[in-house]
C-alpha atoms as a PDB file:
ATOM      1  CA  MET A   1      43.925  -5.707   2.369  1.00  0.00           C
ATOM      2  CA  LYS A   2      41.023  -7.449   4.104  1.00  0.00           C
ATOM      3  CA  ARG A   3      39.427  -4.074   4.843  1.00  0.00           C
ATOM      4  CA  ALA A   4      39.665  -3.015   1.219  1.00  0.00           C
ATOM      5  CA  ILE A   5      38.014  -6.339  -0.046  1.00  0.00           C
ATOM      6  CA  ALA A   6      35.329  -5.977   2.639  1.00  0.00           C
ATOM      7  CA  GLY A   7      34.668  -2.316   1.572  1.00  0.00           C
ATOM      8  CA  ILE A   8      34.356  -3.315  -2.094  1.00  0.00           C
ATOM      9  CA  MET A   9      32.064  -6.254  -1.215  1.00  0.00           C
ATOM     10  CA  LEU A  10      29.903  -3.868   0.842  1.00  0.00           C
ATOM     11  CA  LEU A  11      29.683  -1.333  -2.012  1.00  0.00           C
ATOM     12  CA  VAL A  12      28.681  -4.041  -4.453  1.00  0.00           C
ATOM     13  CA  GLY A  13      26.085  -5.419  -2.035  1.00  0.00           C
ATOM     14  CA  LEU A  14      24.551  -2.004  -1.374  1.00  0.00           C
ATOM     15  CA  SER A  15      24.305  -1.345  -5.179  1.00  0.00           C
ATOM     16  CA  VAL A  16      22.609  -4.640  -5.994  1.00  0.00           C
ATOM     17  CA  ALA A  17      20.032  -4.715  -3.144  1.00  0.00           C
ATOM     18  CA  PRO A  18      17.709  -2.100  -4.450  1.00  0.00           C
ATOM     19  CA  ALA A  19      17.539  -3.634  -7.885  1.00  0.00           C
ATOM     20  CA  LEU A  20      16.588  -7.033  -6.323  1.00  0.00           C
ATOM     21  CA  ALA A  21      14.032  -5.453  -3.924  1.00  0.00           C
ATOM     22  CA  TRP A  22      12.018  -3.633  -6.644  1.00  0.00           C
ATOM     23  CA  ASP A  23       9.028  -5.659  -7.729  1.00  0.00           C
ATOM     24  CA  GLY A  24       7.619  -3.275 -10.325  1.00  0.00           C
ATOM     25  CA  ASP A  25       4.121  -2.647 -10.885  1.00  0.00           C
ATOM     26  CA  ARG A  26       3.018  -6.065  -9.600  1.00  0.00           C
ATOM     27  CA  GLY A  27       3.383  -5.029  -5.937  1.00  0.00           C
ATOM     28  CA  LEU A  28       1.572  -1.817  -6.422  1.00  0.00           C
ATOM     29  CA  ARG A  29      -1.232  -3.456  -8.253  1.00  0.00           C
ATOM     30  CA  ARG A  30      -1.529  -6.092  -5.607  1.00  0.00           C
ATOM     31  CA  ASP A  31      -1.666  -3.302  -2.953  1.00  0.00           C
ATOM     32  CA  MET A  32      -4.408  -1.675  -4.968  1.00  0.00           C
ATOM     33  CA  ARG A  33      -6.492  -4.854  -5.151  1.00  0.00           C
ATOM     34  CA  HIS A  34      -5.964  -5.324  -1.384  1.00  0.00           C
ATOM     35  CA  ASP A  35      -7.196  -1.762  -0.859  1.00  0.00           C
ATOM     36  CA  GLU A  36     -10.287  -2.270  -3.060  1.00  0.00           C
ATOM     37  CA  ALA A  37     -11.081  -5.363  -0.966  1.00  0.00           C
ATOM     38  CA  LYS A  38     -10.831  -3.432   2.265  1.00  0.00           C
ATOM     39  CA  ILE A  39     -13.157  -0.747   0.916  1.00  0.00           C
ATOM     40  CA  GLY A  40     -15.684  -3.270  -0.055  1.00  0.00           C
ATOM     41  CA  HIS A  41     -15.467  -4.828   3.382  1.00  0.00           C
ATOM     42  CA  ASP A  42     -15.843  -1.409   5.109  1.00  0.00           C
ATOM     43  CA  ARG A  43     -18.833  -0.472   2.895  1.00  0.00           C
ATOM     44  CA  ARG A  44     -20.626  -3.639   3.960  1.00  0.00           C
ATOM     45  CA  GLU A  45     -19.827  -2.950   7.685  1.00  0.00           C
ATOM     46  CA  LEU A  46     -21.064   0.755   7.160  1.00  0.00           C
ATOM     47  CA  ARG A  47     -24.364  -0.471   5.794  1.00  0.00           C
ATOM     48  CA  ARG A  48     -24.863  -2.951   8.461  1.00  0.00           C
ATOM     49  CA  ASP A  49     -24.121  -0.436  11.285  1.00  0.00           C
ATOM     50  CA  LEU A  50     -26.483   2.130   9.755  1.00  0.00           C
ATOM     51  CA  TYR A  51     -29.195  -0.644   9.421  1.00  0.00           C
ATOM     52  CA  TYR A  52     -28.927  -1.507  13.068  1.00  0.00           C
ATOM     53  CA  GLY A  53     -28.580   2.167  14.272  1.00  0.00           C
ATOM     54  CA  ASN A  54     -25.031   1.932  15.528  1.00  0.00           C
ATOM     55  CA  TYR A  55     -24.001   5.453  14.529  1.00  0.00           C
ATOM     56  CA  GLY A  56     -20.777   5.434  16.467  1.00  0.00           C
ATOM     57  CA  ALA A  57     -19.429   2.438  14.571  1.00  0.00           C
ATOM     58  CA  ALA A  58     -20.721   3.953  11.270  1.00  0.00           C
ATOM     59  CA  ARG A  59     -18.647   7.075  11.987  1.00  0.00           C
ATOM     60  CA  HIS A  60     -15.662   4.803  12.569  1.00  0.00           C
ATOM     61  CA  GLU A  61     -16.280   3.044   9.251  1.00  0.00           C
ATOM     62  CA  ARG A  62     -16.634   6.239   7.337  1.00  0.00           C
ATOM     63  CA  ARG A  63     -13.200   7.269   8.704  1.00  0.00           C
ATOM     64  CA  GLU A  64     -11.744   3.958   7.643  1.00  0.00           C
ATOM     65  CA  LEU A  65     -13.297   4.474   4.148  1.00  0.00           C
ATOM     66  CA  GLU A  66     -11.783   7.904   3.769  1.00  0.00           C
ATOM     67  CA  ARG A  67      -8.392   6.584   4.683  1.00  0.00           C
ATOM     68  CA  ASP A  68      -8.655   3.524   2.347  1.00  0.00           C
ATOM     69  CA  HIS A  69      -9.823   5.710  -0.453  1.00  0.00           C
ATOM     70  CA  ARG A  70      -6.952   8.083   0.066  1.00  0.00           C
ATOM     71  CA  ASP A  71      -4.443   5.193   0.056  1.00  0.00           C
ATOM     72  CA  LEU A  72      -5.969   3.755  -3.077  1.00  0.00           C
ATOM     73  CA  ASN A  73      -5.815   7.210  -4.821  1.00  0.00           C
ATOM     74  CA  ARG A  74      -2.250   7.637  -3.772  1.00  0.00           C
ATOM     75  CA  ASP A  75      -1.387   4.238  -5.234  1.00  0.00           C
ATOM     76  CA  ARG A  76      -3.152   5.093  -8.582  1.00  0.00           C
ATOM     77  CA  ARG A  77      -1.319   8.369  -8.816  1.00  0.00           C
ATOM     78  CA  GLN A  78       1.951   6.580  -8.250  1.00  0.00           C
ATOM     79  CA  LEU A  79       1.140   3.947 -10.928  1.00  0.00           C
ATOM     80  CA  ASP A  80       0.293   6.641 -13.383  1.00  0.00           C
ATOM     81  CA  TRP A  81       3.478   8.653 -12.476  1.00  0.00           C
ATOM     82  CA  ASP A  82       5.593   5.419 -13.008  1.00  0.00           C
ATOM     83  CA  ARG A  83       4.239   5.045 -16.451  1.00  0.00           C
ATOM     84  CA  ARG A  84       5.440   8.297 -17.765  1.00  0.00           C
END
């Protein structure tokens, strides 16, 4: 009897947890704002590195910019897909 009750409680808990964890578009929009801020910071660092002639650091910043742009575009696609 105890096992049956524990099993039912487990099934109820597993079915409710995803509904409580979903934060909708707010979390995605917050992530997009964070990515945009990172892009702005990396652009400033890239300009500084190029100004001082630190080309190795500039290459690193370009790679970070590419990764951040890819992440931002992925978030935008997900947001558009969720609106359908």
